[in-house]
């Protein structure tokens, strides 16, 4: 004897309800999911957001930094930090950049703050964009800077070389937070 379609539908609904109740009971905290950490199948092509639980902070002794003047957008510098170590490192915040003999660091553009820190695998890079001066030249204290000092989350400061002629800076300078692509860093 075969069950009618209505009886089969009721049996399927009752079974589904019982399995759902069993799954919720087994979790005990009622949330139903547990964070197992980052997937081992994560792409290594770009930095991951959210620092791995054991990842050390990126250090000046295990990174290489460069500063590149770009033609577009105008008055911009692209900073690149590459993990040269043998383990992942966490990169938080923004680069504490000081040009020339300045005593204070360039202020961050808060609207560029990512939701989470970056984790760089060996060989991977993060980027920050620096607006060097106002577009119309209206900001105060215009000057030419020939040196750059970057204070990193840990370890010694970095001193990436600037173009030989220096860079024009003024009080309109801002820097982005560390981001996963150069394009994003220059869009600000």
C-alpha atoms as a PDB file:
ATOM      1  CA  UNK A   1       0.000   0.000   0.000  1.00  0.00           C
ATOM      2  CA  UNK A   2       1.445   3.377  -0.971  1.00  0.00           C
ATOM      3  CA  UNK A   3       0.988   6.607   0.935  1.00  0.00           C
ATOM      4  CA  UNK A   4      -1.018   9.404  -0.609  1.00  0.00           C
ATOM      5  CA  UNK A   5       0.763  12.595  -1.736  1.00  0.00           C
ATOM      6  CA  UNK A   6      -0.733  14.493   1.207  1.00  0.00           C
ATOM      7  CA  UNK A   7       0.556  11.906   3.699  1.00  0.00           C
ATOM      8  CA  UNK A   8       4.042  12.036   2.161  1.00  0.00           C
ATOM      9  CA  UNK A   9       4.072  15.852   2.346  1.00  0.00           C
ATOM     10  CA  UNK A  10       3.029  15.722   6.031  1.00  0.00           C
ATOM     11  CA  UNK A  11       5.704  13.103   6.782  1.00  0.00           C
ATOM     12  CA  UNK A  12       8.376  15.223   5.030  1.00  0.00           C
ATOM     13  CA  UNK A  13       7.304  18.360   6.937  1.00  0.00           C
ATOM     14  CA  UNK A  14       7.345  16.515  10.282  1.00  0.00           C
ATOM     15  CA  UNK A  15      10.789  15.046   9.560  1.00  0.00           C
ATOM     16  CA  UNK A  16      12.182  18.465   8.562  1.00  0.00           C
ATOM     17  CA  UNK A  17      10.760  20.040  11.733  1.00  0.00           C
ATOM     18  CA  UNK A  18      12.220  17.284  13.920  1.00  0.00           C
ATOM     19  CA  UNK A  19      15.692  17.615  12.330  1.00  0.00           C
ATOM     20  CA  UNK A  20      15.649  21.404  12.769  1.00  0.00           C
ATOM     21  CA  UNK A  21      14.683  21.069  16.432  1.00  0.00           C
ATOM     22  CA  UNK A  22      17.421  18.469  16.952  1.00  0.00           C
ATOM     23  CA  UNK A  23      20.031  20.753  15.329  1.00  0.00           C
ATOM     24  CA  UNK A  24      19.070  23.700  17.528  1.00  0.00           C
ATOM     25  CA  UNK A  25      19.146  21.545  20.637  1.00  0.00           C
ATOM     26  CA  UNK A  26      22.590  20.202  19.768  1.00  0.00           C
ATOM     27  CA  UNK A  27      24.020  23.725  19.521  1.00  0.00           C
ATOM     28  CA  UNK A  28      22.927  24.522  23.095  1.00  0.00           C
ATOM     29  CA  UNK A  29      23.663  28.224  22.667  1.00  0.00           C
ATOM     30  CA  UNK A  30      20.830  28.663  20.153  1.00  0.00           C
ATOM     31  CA  UNK A  31      23.034  30.381  17.577  1.00  0.00           C
ATOM     32  CA  UNK A  32      23.322  27.389  15.275  1.00  0.00           C
ATOM     33  CA  UNK A  33      26.781  28.214  13.890  1.00  0.00           C
ATOM     34  CA  UNK A  34      30.302  28.308  15.213  1.00  0.00           C
ATOM     35  CA  UNK A  35      33.199  30.312  13.824  1.00  0.00           C
ATOM     36  CA  UNK A  36      35.972  27.915  12.871  1.00  0.00           C
ATOM     37  CA  UNK A  37      38.365  30.700  11.842  1.00  0.00           C
ATOM     38  CA  UNK A  38      39.592  31.477   8.332  1.00  0.00           C
ATOM     39  CA  UNK A  39      39.165  28.914   5.613  1.00  0.00           C
ATOM     40  CA  UNK A  40      42.306  27.097   4.534  1.00  0.00           C
ATOM     41  CA  UNK A  41      41.128  27.514   0.965  1.00  0.00           C
ATOM     42  CA  UNK A  42      41.331  31.331   1.155  1.00  0.00           C
ATOM     43  CA  UNK A  43      42.785  33.014  -1.901  1.00  0.00           C
ATOM     44  CA  UNK A  44      46.383  34.108  -1.622  1.00  0.00           C
ATOM     45  CA  UNK A  45      46.018  36.625  -4.459  1.00  0.00           C
ATOM     46  CA  UNK A  46      45.077  39.563  -2.236  1.00  0.00           C
ATOM     47  CA  UNK A  47      45.429  40.433   1.434  1.00  0.00           C
ATOM     48  CA  UNK A  48      42.721  39.062   3.648  1.00  0.00           C
ATOM     49  CA  UNK A  49      40.754  41.327   5.901  1.00  0.00           C
ATOM     50  CA  UNK A  50      40.590  40.388   9.564  1.00  0.00           C
ATOM     51  CA  UNK A  51      43.844  39.478  11.176  1.00  0.00           C
ATOM     52  CA  UNK A  52      44.428  35.801  11.861  1.00  0.00           C
ATOM     53  CA  UNK A  53      44.338  35.062  15.631  1.00  0.00           C
ATOM     54  CA  UNK A  54      48.088  34.289  15.862  1.00  0.00           C
ATOM     55  CA  UNK A  55      49.375  36.665  13.257  1.00  0.00           C
ATOM     56  CA  UNK A  56      52.030  39.035  14.602  1.00  0.00           C
ATOM     57  CA  UNK A  57      51.929  42.724  13.727  1.00  0.00           C
ATOM     58  CA  UNK A  58      53.769  43.705  10.547  1.00  0.00           C
ATOM     59  CA  UNK A  59      57.210  44.957  11.549  1.00  0.00           C
ATOM     60  CA  UNK A  60      59.640  47.282   9.835  1.00  0.00           C
ATOM     61  CA  UNK A  61      62.235  44.511  10.025  1.00  0.00           C
ATOM     62  CA  UNK A  62      60.049  42.062   8.041  1.00  0.00           C
ATOM     63  CA  UNK A  63      58.589  44.423   5.440  1.00  0.00           C
ATOM     64  CA  UNK A  64      59.704  46.515   2.482  1.00  0.00           C
ATOM     65  CA  UNK A  65      58.113  49.896   1.783  1.00  0.00           C
ATOM     66  CA  UNK A  66      58.097  52.028  -1.330  1.00  0.00           C
ATOM     67  CA  UNK A  67      56.733  55.496  -2.089  1.00  0.00           C
ATOM     68  CA  UNK A  68      55.803  56.256  -5.691  1.00  0.00           C
ATOM     69  CA  UNK A  69      54.726  59.649  -7.015  1.00  0.00           C
ATOM     70  CA  UNK A  70      51.836  59.166  -9.442  1.00  0.00           C
ATOM     71  CA  UNK A  71      50.739  61.476 -12.232  1.00  0.00           C
ATOM     72  CA  UNK A  72      47.018  60.842 -11.733  1.00  0.00           C
ATOM     73  CA  UNK A  73      45.376  61.831  -9.577  1.00  0.00           C
ATOM     74  CA  UNK A  74      47.503  64.944  -9.107  1.00  0.00           C
ATOM     75  CA  UNK A  75      49.421  65.628  -5.885  1.00  0.00           C
ATOM     76  CA  UNK A  76      49.405  61.973  -4.807  1.00  0.00           C
ATOM     77  CA  UNK A  77      51.892  59.478  -3.491  1.00  0.00           C
ATOM     78  CA  UNK A  78      51.261  55.726  -3.372  1.00  0.00           C
ATOM     79  CA  UNK A  79      52.766  53.854  -0.418  1.00  0.00           C
ATOM     80  CA  UNK A  80      53.260  50.096  -0.723  1.00  0.00           C
ATOM     81  CA  UNK A  81      54.182  47.788   2.150  1.00  0.00           C
ATOM     82  CA  UNK A  82      55.196  44.210   1.280  1.00  0.00           C
ATOM     83  CA  UNK A  83      55.533  41.370   3.790  1.00  0.00           C
ATOM     84  CA  UNK A  84      59.094  40.038   3.319  1.00  0.00           C
ATOM     85  CA  UNK A  85      58.884  37.688   6.291  1.00  0.00           C
ATOM     86  CA  UNK A  86      58.120  33.974   6.315  1.00  0.00           C
ATOM     87  CA  UNK A  87      54.826  34.200   8.223  1.00  0.00           C
ATOM     88  CA  UNK A  88      51.568  36.126   7.968  1.00  0.00           C
ATOM     89  CA  UNK A  89      51.488  39.543   9.594  1.00  0.00           C
ATOM     90  CA  UNK A  90      48.639  41.821  10.643  1.00  0.00           C
ATOM     91  CA  UNK A  91      48.555  45.396   9.397  1.00  0.00           C
ATOM     92  CA  UNK A  92      46.354  47.771  11.327  1.00  0.00           C
ATOM     93  CA  UNK A  93      45.479  51.433  11.036  1.00  0.00           C
ATOM     94  CA  UNK A  94      47.205  53.843   8.710  1.00  0.00           C
ATOM     95  CA  UNK A  95      50.852  54.647   8.010  1.00  0.00           C
ATOM     96  CA  UNK A  96      52.198  57.239  10.440  1.00  0.00           C
ATOM     97  CA  UNK A  97      53.892  59.324   7.745  1.00  0.00           C
ATOM     98  CA  UNK A  98      56.203  62.251   8.508  1.00  0.00           C
ATOM     99  CA  UNK A  99      57.670  64.272   5.651  1.00  0.00           C
ATOM    100  CA  UNK A 100      61.009  66.036   6.057  1.00  0.00           C
ATOM    101  CA  UNK A 101      61.620  67.384   9.542  1.00  0.00           C
ATOM    102  CA  UNK A 102      57.931  67.481  10.502  1.00  0.00           C
ATOM    103  CA  UNK A 103      57.267  66.632  14.123  1.00  0.00           C
ATOM    104  CA  UNK A 104      53.705  65.384  13.614  1.00  0.00           C
ATOM    105  CA  UNK A 105      52.365  62.659  11.351  1.00  0.00           C
ATOM    106  CA  UNK A 106      49.978  63.215   8.460  1.00  0.00           C
ATOM    107  CA  UNK A 107      46.349  62.916   9.558  1.00  0.00           C
ATOM    108  CA  UNK A 108      44.279  59.973   8.283  1.00  0.00           C
ATOM    109  CA  UNK A 109      41.263  60.226   5.986  1.00  0.00           C
ATOM    110  CA  UNK A 110      38.731  58.593   8.315  1.00  0.00           C
ATOM    111  CA  UNK A 111      36.364  57.727   5.467  1.00  0.00           C
ATOM    112  CA  UNK A 112      38.963  55.233   4.190  1.00  0.00           C
ATOM    113  CA  UNK A 113      39.041  53.196   7.425  1.00  0.00           C
ATOM    114  CA  UNK A 114      38.434  49.515   6.581  1.00  0.00           C
ATOM    115  CA  UNK A 115      36.148  47.456   8.787  1.00  0.00           C
ATOM    116  CA  UNK A 116      38.925  45.056   9.729  1.00  0.00           C
ATOM    117  CA  UNK A 117      42.705  44.854   9.746  1.00  0.00           C
ATOM    118  CA  UNK A 118      44.581  43.290   6.844  1.00  0.00           C
ATOM    119  CA  UNK A 119      46.501  40.033   7.086  1.00  0.00           C
ATOM    120  CA  UNK A 120      49.421  39.843   4.673  1.00  0.00           C
ATOM    121  CA  UNK A 121      50.848  36.489   3.666  1.00  0.00           C
ATOM    122  CA  UNK A 122      54.545  36.412   2.759  1.00  0.00           C
ATOM    123  CA  UNK A 123      55.016  38.364  -0.470  1.00  0.00           C
ATOM    124  CA  UNK A 124      51.671  40.163  -0.314  1.00  0.00           C
ATOM    125  CA  UNK A 125      51.330  43.948  -0.237  1.00  0.00           C
ATOM    126  CA  UNK A 126      49.055  46.614   1.234  1.00  0.00           C
ATOM    127  CA  UNK A 127      48.707  50.171  -0.014  1.00  0.00           C
ATOM    128  CA  UNK A 128      48.002  53.672   1.271  1.00  0.00           C
ATOM    129  CA  UNK A 129      47.490  56.871  -0.683  1.00  0.00           C
ATOM    130  CA  UNK A 130      48.806  60.251   0.422  1.00  0.00           C
ATOM    131  CA  UNK A 131      47.240  63.520  -0.713  1.00  0.00           C
ATOM    132  CA  UNK A 132      50.365  65.684  -0.650  1.00  0.00           C
ATOM    133  CA  UNK A 133      48.868  69.131  -1.140  1.00  0.00           C
ATOM    134  CA  UNK A 134      45.697  71.014  -1.954  1.00  0.00           C
ATOM    135  CA  UNK A 135      44.741  70.906  -5.623  1.00  0.00           C
ATOM    136  CA  UNK A 136      44.451  74.687  -5.897  1.00  0.00           C
ATOM    137  CA  UNK A 137      47.492  75.574  -3.791  1.00  0.00           C
ATOM    138  CA  UNK A 138      45.406  77.336  -1.160  1.00  0.00           C
ATOM    139  CA  UNK A 139      46.657  75.430   1.896  1.00  0.00           C
ATOM    140  CA  UNK A 140      49.235  76.977   4.211  1.00  0.00           C
ATOM    141  CA  UNK A 141      52.898  76.071   4.709  1.00  0.00           C
ATOM    142  CA  UNK A 142      53.786  74.900   1.216  1.00  0.00           C
ATOM    143  CA  UNK A 143      57.234  73.312   1.132  1.00  0.00           C
ATOM    144  CA  UNK A 144      59.341  70.638  -0.551  1.00  0.00           C
ATOM    145  CA  UNK A 145      59.954  67.433   1.392  1.00  0.00           C
ATOM    146  CA  UNK A 146      62.896  65.219   0.484  1.00  0.00           C
ATOM    147  CA  UNK A 147      62.560  62.496   3.139  1.00  0.00           C
ATOM    148  CA  UNK A 148      59.758  60.292   4.419  1.00  0.00           C
ATOM    149  CA  UNK A 149      59.562  58.370   7.691  1.00  0.00           C
ATOM    150  CA  UNK A 150      56.855  55.720   8.162  1.00  0.00           C
ATOM    151  CA  UNK A 151      56.202  54.392  11.634  1.00  0.00           C
ATOM    152  CA  UNK A 152      54.771  50.880  11.430  1.00  0.00           C
ATOM    153  CA  UNK A 153      52.721  48.942  14.013  1.00  0.00           C
ATOM    154  CA  UNK A 154      55.885  47.219  15.299  1.00  0.00           C
ATOM    155  CA  UNK A 155      59.646  47.333  14.866  1.00  0.00           C
ATOM    156  CA  UNK A 156      61.827  50.021  13.332  1.00  0.00           C
ATOM    157  CA  UNK A 157      60.511  52.878  11.198  1.00  0.00           C
ATOM    158  CA  UNK A 158      60.781  52.669   7.422  1.00  0.00           C
ATOM    159  CA  UNK A 159      62.394  55.324   5.236  1.00  0.00           C
ATOM    160  CA  UNK A 160      61.257  54.773   1.637  1.00  0.00           C
ATOM    161  CA  UNK A 161      63.054  57.112  -0.770  1.00  0.00           C
ATOM    162  CA  UNK A 162      61.151  59.963  -2.394  1.00  0.00           C
ATOM    163  CA  UNK A 163      61.817  61.257  -5.912  1.00  0.00           C
ATOM    164  CA  UNK A 164      65.187  63.082  -6.094  1.00  0.00           C
ATOM    165  CA  UNK A 165      63.483  66.442  -6.597  1.00  0.00           C
ATOM    166  CA  UNK A 166      61.359  65.851  -3.466  1.00  0.00           C
ATOM    167  CA  UNK A 167      57.590  66.248  -3.238  1.00  0.00           C
ATOM    168  CA  UNK A 168      55.500  69.396  -2.787  1.00  0.00           C
ATOM    169  CA  UNK A 169      53.517  69.228   0.469  1.00  0.00           C
ATOM    170  CA  UNK A 170      51.312  71.601   2.442  1.00  0.00           C
ATOM    171  CA  UNK A 171      48.900  71.540   5.359  1.00  0.00           C
ATOM    172  CA  UNK A 172      46.206  69.781   3.285  1.00  0.00           C
ATOM    173  CA  UNK A 173      48.084  66.447   3.520  1.00  0.00           C
ATOM    174  CA  UNK A 174      46.053  63.354   4.401  1.00  0.00           C
ATOM    175  CA  UNK A 175      46.771  59.622   4.225  1.00  0.00           C
ATOM    176  CA  UNK A 176      44.438  56.670   3.708  1.00  0.00           C
ATOM    177  CA  UNK A 177      44.342  53.660   5.970  1.00  0.00           C
ATOM    178  CA  UNK A 178      46.180  50.578   4.722  1.00  0.00           C
ATOM    179  CA  UNK A 179      44.063  49.058   1.944  1.00  0.00           C
ATOM    180  CA  UNK A 180      44.279  45.892  -0.130  1.00  0.00           C
ATOM    181  CA  UNK A 181      44.755  47.568  -3.534  1.00  0.00           C
ATOM    182  CA  UNK A 182      46.652  50.498  -4.968  1.00  0.00           C
ATOM    183  CA  UNK A 183      43.613  51.558  -6.986  1.00  0.00           C
ATOM    184  CA  UNK A 184      41.514  51.865  -3.837  1.00  0.00           C
ATOM    185  CA  UNK A 185      44.262  53.841  -2.106  1.00  0.00           C
ATOM    186  CA  UNK A 186      44.404  56.367  -4.947  1.00  0.00           C
ATOM    187  CA  UNK A 187      40.630  56.762  -5.344  1.00  0.00           C
ATOM    188  CA  UNK A 188      40.394  58.957  -2.269  1.00  0.00           C
END
